[in-house]
Amino acid sequence: MVLDFHVHLYPPEVVRDSERIAQREDYFALLSSSPVHRWAQVEDLISAMDRDGVDRAVVFGFAFNDLGLCRLCNDYVLEAARAHPDRLIPFAVVPPLCRGMGAEVERAASLGALGVGELFPDGQGFQVDDPRQTFRIAGLCHELGILLMLHCAEPVGHLYAGKGTVGPKEAAAFCENHPEVKVVFAHFGGGLWLYEAMEEMRLNLSNAYYDTAAMPFLYDSSLLASVMASGAGKKILFGTDFPILGLPRYRPLLESAGISGPDAEALLGGNGWRLLESLGRPLTPWGGLNRI
């Protein structure tokens, strides 16, 4: 099974009105004007999954500052999952500091969302290392038994649209402040996985997972070999950042890193599936637990 844990979908209204939305959503304007940006709707995703051999995908919209736009994205993602219950697993996006955020998370979870994210700390104006700003969203995810996914980036290297200021230090502080919630840090947690080799941090990061989204833009195949050697491989979730990238860009990296057999199966789907199963919630929102 191949499970892509990091896929963005955009409602037709967002694509149609993108220029107008960008005038009041600065982070959306930044990312949507990037030369690597791509639009995708559910038909595009299912077609790509069929072509590339991806069995299931965790899908979410764009994390806007405006709760109404987030709700629009959530409705679209939830309906996409309803139409393709054996392929798509929905997450919800919300602005964590917005009034009404909690009700939207509860609504989405009641309709089958298994997580909240990918949230953008810089774009949405919250600090992941400040428990005064994160206790509401962390508490909700814990109480509802769903995951949280946060954007994270490496603190070194070249600048790019959306890189942001949340790195391993801030992500580690979130885990220490909120050990109760299972959290996925996008983009390898900006390197946070490395500190799983420290005994004290392995304990502090027991609730942390890391996805591979956008890896071909940043790292060569030696990173995957290092992750496996460190013992953190069981916490790495395959994610492409579709529609920016897809599975074909990752295949050569796995081959070059010498990852095959059970390790490849775990990385490409097994790790993510086990994490979802650990929530104890139906993995097909409109039909009960459904394994491939």
Protein backbone atom coordinates (compact mmCIF):
# COMPACT_ATOMS: atom_id res chain seq x y z
CA MET A 1 0.00 0.00 0.00
CA VAL A 2 1.16 3.50 -0.82
CA LEU A 3 -0.31 6.18 1.44
CA ASP A 4 0.48 9.81 0.60
CA PHE A 5 0.16 11.67 3.91
CA HIS A 6 0.47 15.22 2.53
CA VAL A 7 -1.87 16.34 -0.25
CA HIS A 8 -3.44 19.77 -0.84
CA LEU A 9 -6.76 20.22 -2.65
CA TYR A 10 -8.33 23.52 -3.69
CA PRO A 11 -12.05 24.14 -4.10
CA PRO A 12 -13.00 25.57 -7.51
CA GLU A 13 -14.05 28.81 -5.82
CA VAL A 14 -10.55 29.31 -4.41
CA VAL A 15 -8.95 28.74 -7.80
CA ARG A 16 -11.44 31.03 -9.52
CA ASP A 17 -11.08 33.84 -6.98
CA SER A 18 -7.41 33.34 -6.13
CA GLU A 19 -6.33 36.86 -7.07
CA ARG A 20 -9.04 38.46 -4.99
CA ILE A 21 -8.36 36.16 -2.04
CA ALA A 22 -4.65 36.90 -2.26
CA GLN A 23 -5.37 40.59 -1.67
CA ARG A 24 -6.42 39.84 1.91
CA GLU A 25 -4.50 36.62 2.61
CA ASP A 26 -0.79 37.46 2.52
CA TYR A 27 0.51 33.93 3.04
CA PHE A 28 -1.78 32.55 0.35
CA ALA A 29 -0.53 35.29 -1.97
CA LEU A 30 3.07 34.32 -1.21
CA LEU A 31 2.61 30.61 -1.84
CA SER A 32 0.21 30.82 -4.76
CA SER A 33 2.58 33.15 -6.64
CA SER A 34 5.55 30.81 -6.18
CA PRO A 35 6.93 29.34 -9.43
CA VAL A 36 6.47 25.80 -8.08
CA HIS A 37 2.82 26.28 -7.08
CA ARG A 38 0.17 24.10 -8.70
CA TRP A 39 -3.62 23.90 -8.37
CA ALA A 40 -5.38 20.58 -7.92
CA GLN A 41 -8.94 19.46 -7.41
CA VAL A 42 -10.20 16.02 -6.52
CA GLU A 43 -10.41 14.80 -10.12
CA ASP A 44 -6.76 15.75 -10.67
CA LEU A 45 -5.72 13.90 -7.52
CA ILE A 46 -7.59 10.66 -8.26
CA SER A 47 -6.19 10.64 -11.79
CA ALA A 48 -2.64 11.12 -10.48
CA MET A 49 -3.12 8.44 -7.82
CA ASP A 50 -4.33 5.96 -10.42
CA ARG A 51 -1.44 6.81 -12.73
CA ASP A 52 1.29 6.68 -10.08
CA GLY A 53 0.06 3.77 -8.00
CA VAL A 54 -0.95 5.66 -4.86
CA ASP A 55 -3.64 3.76 -2.97
CA ARG A 56 -4.76 6.36 -0.43
CA ALA A 57 -4.08 9.97 0.44
CA VAL A 58 -4.50 12.27 3.42
CA VAL A 59 -6.05 15.43 1.97
CA PHE A 60 -6.58 18.97 3.20
CA GLY A 61 -7.21 22.46 1.93
CA PHE A 62 -5.23 25.66 2.43
CA ALA A 63 -4.96 26.96 5.99
CA PHE A 64 -6.30 30.49 5.62
CA ASN A 65 -6.59 33.20 8.25
CA ASP A 66 -10.26 33.54 7.37
CA LEU A 67 -12.41 30.90 9.06
CA GLY A 68 -15.00 31.10 6.28
CA LEU A 69 -12.39 30.21 3.66
CA CYS A 70 -11.17 27.36 5.84
CA ARG A 71 -14.74 26.09 6.14
CA LEU A 72 -15.06 26.24 2.34
CA CYS A 73 -11.91 24.12 2.02
CA ASN A 74 -13.12 21.68 4.67
CA ASP A 75 -16.48 21.20 2.97
CA TYR A 76 -14.73 20.48 -0.31
CA VAL A 77 -12.29 18.00 1.24
CA LEU A 78 -15.02 16.24 3.23
CA GLU A 79 -17.19 15.91 0.14
CA ALA A 80 -14.20 14.57 -1.83
CA ALA A 81 -13.67 11.92 0.85
CA ARG A 82 -17.38 11.09 0.80
CA ALA A 83 -17.16 10.55 -2.97
CA HIS A 84 -13.98 8.46 -2.67
CA PRO A 85 -14.14 6.82 0.78
CA ASP A 86 -11.73 4.05 -0.19
CA ARG A 87 -9.07 6.51 -1.42
CA LEU A 88 -9.16 9.77 0.56
CA ILE A 89 -8.73 10.53 4.28
CA PRO A 90 -9.80 14.09 5.17
CA PHE A 91 -8.14 16.59 7.48
CA ALA A 92 -9.56 20.02 8.36
CA VAL A 93 -7.90 23.43 8.29
CA VAL A 94 -8.66 26.22 10.77
CA PRO A 95 -7.00 29.42 12.04
CA PRO A 96 -6.03 28.32 15.59
CA LEU A 97 -6.53 31.70 17.26
CA CYS A 98 -9.85 32.54 15.61
CA ARG A 99 -13.12 32.65 17.51
CA GLY A 100 -15.28 29.79 16.25
CA MET A 101 -12.29 27.61 15.47
CA GLY A 102 -13.33 24.97 17.99
CA ALA A 103 -16.80 24.55 16.57
CA GLU A 104 -15.38 24.08 13.08
CA VAL A 105 -12.93 21.41 14.25
CA GLU A 106 -15.73 19.56 16.04
CA ARG A 107 -17.97 19.82 12.97
CA ALA A 108 -15.28 18.47 10.65
CA ALA A 109 -14.39 15.65 13.03
CA SER A 110 -18.05 14.65 13.30
CA LEU A 111 -18.09 14.37 9.51
CA GLY A 112 -15.03 12.16 9.36
CA ALA A 113 -11.95 14.39 9.52
CA LEU A 114 -9.10 12.48 11.17
CA GLY A 115 -6.85 15.45 11.73
CA VAL A 116 -6.30 19.19 11.67
CA GLY A 117 -3.70 20.59 9.30
CA GLU A 118 -1.50 21.35 7.57
CA LEU A 119 -1.49 24.57 9.63
CA PHE A 120 0.91 27.40 8.83
CA PRO A 121 2.25 29.08 12.00
CA ASP A 122 3.86 32.00 10.18
CA GLY A 123 0.99 32.46 7.77
CA GLN A 124 -1.69 32.21 10.46
CA GLY A 125 0.12 34.26 13.07
CA PHE A 126 0.62 31.82 15.93
CA GLN A 127 3.69 30.53 17.73
CA VAL A 128 3.92 26.78 18.15
CA ASP A 129 6.23 27.10 21.17
CA ASP A 130 3.82 29.30 23.14
CA PRO A 131 1.32 27.14 25.04
CA ARG A 132 -0.95 30.15 25.52
CA GLN A 133 -1.50 30.12 21.76
CA THR A 134 -1.61 26.36 21.19
CA PHE A 135 -3.53 24.91 24.13
CA ARG A 136 -6.92 25.24 22.43
CA ILE A 137 -6.04 23.47 19.20
CA ALA A 138 -3.94 20.82 20.97
CA GLY A 139 -6.68 20.16 23.51
CA LEU A 140 -9.32 19.83 20.83
CA CYS A 141 -7.31 17.32 18.85
CA HIS A 142 -6.64 15.32 21.98
CA GLU A 143 -10.26 15.30 23.11
CA LEU A 144 -11.54 14.37 19.66
CA GLY A 145 -8.88 11.72 19.11
CA ILE A 146 -7.50 13.24 15.90
CA LEU A 147 -4.07 14.25 14.62
CA LEU A 148 -2.50 17.67 14.26
CA MET A 149 -0.19 18.56 11.37
CA LEU A 150 2.06 21.62 11.52
CA HIS A 151 4.26 23.19 8.88
CA CYS A 152 7.91 23.12 9.85
CA ALA A 153 11.15 23.90 8.00
CA GLU A 154 14.89 23.56 8.28
CA PRO A 155 16.52 26.58 10.01
CA VAL A 156 19.43 26.69 7.56
CA GLY A 157 19.82 26.77 3.80
CA HIS A 158 18.27 28.92 1.11
CA LEU A 159 15.10 30.94 1.54
CA TYR A 160 11.96 30.04 -0.39
CA ALA A 161 8.31 31.00 -0.38
CA GLY A 162 6.66 29.73 2.77
CA LYS A 163 9.78 28.46 4.50
CA GLY A 164 8.86 30.28 7.70
CA THR A 165 10.53 30.49 11.08
CA VAL A 166 9.32 27.28 12.75
CA GLY A 167 12.18 24.84 13.06
CA PRO A 168 13.23 21.95 15.29
CA LYS A 169 13.54 24.06 18.45
CA GLU A 170 9.99 25.41 18.23
CA ALA A 171 8.56 22.03 17.20
CA ALA A 172 10.26 20.30 20.11
CA ALA A 173 8.81 22.88 22.50
CA PHE A 174 5.33 22.11 21.20
CA CYS A 175 5.82 18.40 21.98
CA GLU A 176 7.06 19.19 25.47
CA ASN A 177 4.08 21.48 26.09
CA HIS A 178 1.52 19.07 24.62
CA PRO A 179 2.54 15.43 25.10
CA GLU A 180 -1.12 14.41 24.88
CA VAL A 181 -1.63 15.10 21.17
CA LYS A 182 -0.12 13.16 18.26
CA VAL A 183 1.48 15.69 15.93
CA VAL A 184 2.89 15.36 12.42
CA PHE A 185 5.57 17.89 11.55
CA ALA A 186 5.69 18.43 7.81
CA HIS A 187 8.95 18.48 5.86
CA PHE A 188 10.88 16.18 8.21
CA GLY A 189 10.16 18.56 11.07
CA GLY A 190 12.94 20.77 9.74
CA GLY A 191 15.41 18.16 11.01
CA LEU A 192 13.74 17.45 14.34
CA TRP A 193 13.88 13.70 13.66
CA LEU A 194 17.66 13.83 14.21
CA TYR A 195 17.16 14.45 17.92
CA GLU A 196 15.34 11.16 18.30
CA ALA A 197 18.90 9.84 18.75
CA MET A 198 19.09 11.68 22.09
CA GLU A 199 17.56 9.63 24.89
CA GLU A 200 15.90 12.57 26.62
CA MET A 201 14.52 13.94 23.35
CA ARG A 202 13.26 10.53 22.26
CA LEU A 203 11.00 10.66 25.29
CA ASN A 204 9.96 14.26 24.69
CA LEU A 205 9.23 13.49 21.04
CA SER A 206 7.26 10.31 21.66
CA ASN A 207 4.15 12.02 20.22
CA ALA A 208 5.96 13.38 17.12
CA TYR A 209 5.93 12.11 13.54
CA TYR A 210 7.52 13.56 10.43
CA ASP A 211 6.52 13.59 6.77
CA THR A 212 8.71 13.68 3.67
CA ALA A 213 6.82 16.47 1.85
CA ALA A 214 8.95 18.48 -0.61
CA MET A 215 12.04 16.35 0.03
CA PRO A 216 13.27 16.41 -3.62
CA PHE A 217 13.56 20.21 -3.41
CA LEU A 218 15.77 20.09 -0.33
CA TYR A 219 17.64 16.84 0.27
CA ASP A 220 19.39 14.02 -1.54
CA SER A 221 18.84 10.33 -0.91
CA SER A 222 21.42 10.19 1.91
CA LEU A 223 18.82 11.75 4.20
CA LEU A 224 16.58 8.68 3.96
CA ALA A 225 19.48 6.38 4.69
CA SER A 226 20.37 8.50 7.72
CA VAL A 227 16.79 8.44 9.01
CA MET A 228 16.70 4.67 8.81
CA ALA A 229 20.09 4.33 10.49
CA SER A 230 19.01 6.61 13.33
CA GLY A 231 16.09 4.40 14.26
CA ALA A 232 13.55 7.13 13.48
CA GLY A 233 12.37 5.42 10.30
CA LYS A 234 9.22 4.06 11.93
CA LYS A 235 8.05 7.65 12.53
CA ILE A 236 8.56 8.91 8.97
CA LEU A 237 5.41 9.27 6.89
CA PHE A 238 5.55 9.40 3.12
CA GLY A 239 4.07 12.66 1.85
CA THR A 240 4.54 14.34 -1.51
CA ASP A 241 3.11 17.86 -1.12
CA PHE A 242 0.90 17.12 -4.14
CA PRO A 243 0.16 18.83 -6.51
CA ILE A 244 3.62 20.41 -6.27
CA LEU A 245 5.27 16.98 -6.35
CA GLY A 246 4.20 13.38 -6.86
CA LEU A 247 5.39 9.85 -6.18
CA PRO A 248 7.57 9.57 -9.34
CA ARG A 249 9.92 12.24 -7.95
CA TYR A 250 10.47 10.13 -4.81
CA ARG A 251 11.03 6.70 -6.32
CA PRO A 252 14.64 7.39 -7.42
CA LEU A 253 15.48 8.71 -3.96
CA LEU A 254 14.30 5.51 -2.30
CA GLU A 255 16.21 3.40 -4.79
CA SER A 256 19.37 5.47 -4.41
CA ALA A 257 19.13 5.21 -0.62
CA GLY A 258 18.87 1.43 -0.90
CA ILE A 259 15.50 1.34 0.85
CA SER A 260 13.50 -1.71 -0.16
CA GLY A 261 11.46 -4.57 1.23
CA PRO A 262 9.86 -4.03 4.66
CA ASP A 263 11.58 -0.66 5.12
CA ALA A 264 10.14 0.66 1.86
CA GLU A 265 6.71 -0.73 2.70
CA ALA A 266 6.78 0.98 6.09
CA LEU A 267 7.94 4.30 4.68
CA LEU A 268 5.53 4.38 1.74
CA GLY A 269 2.43 3.47 3.69
CA GLY A 270 2.78 1.22 6.70
CA ASN A 271 3.92 3.89 9.14
CA GLY A 272 1.14 6.26 8.17
CA TRP A 273 -1.52 3.57 8.26
CA ARG A 274 -0.48 2.43 11.73
CA LEU A 275 -0.61 6.00 12.97
CA LEU A 276 -4.13 6.44 11.62
CA GLU A 277 -5.23 3.13 13.09
CA SER A 278 -3.87 4.17 16.49
CA LEU A 279 -6.55 6.87 16.65
CA GLY A 280 -9.21 4.19 17.03
CA ARG A 281 -11.53 5.99 14.61
CA PRO A 282 -13.07 4.74 11.35
CA LEU A 283 -10.63 5.23 8.50
CA THR A 284 -13.45 5.50 6.00
CA PRO A 285 -15.79 8.15 7.43
CA TRP A 286 -18.88 6.81 5.71
CA GLY A 287 -18.39 3.08 6.04
CA GLY A 288 -16.31 1.99 9.00
CA LEU A 289 -12.78 0.62 9.08
CA ASN A 290 -11.67 -0.31 5.58
CA ARG A 291 -8.24 -1.77 4.98
CA ILE A 292 -6.63 -2.13 1.62
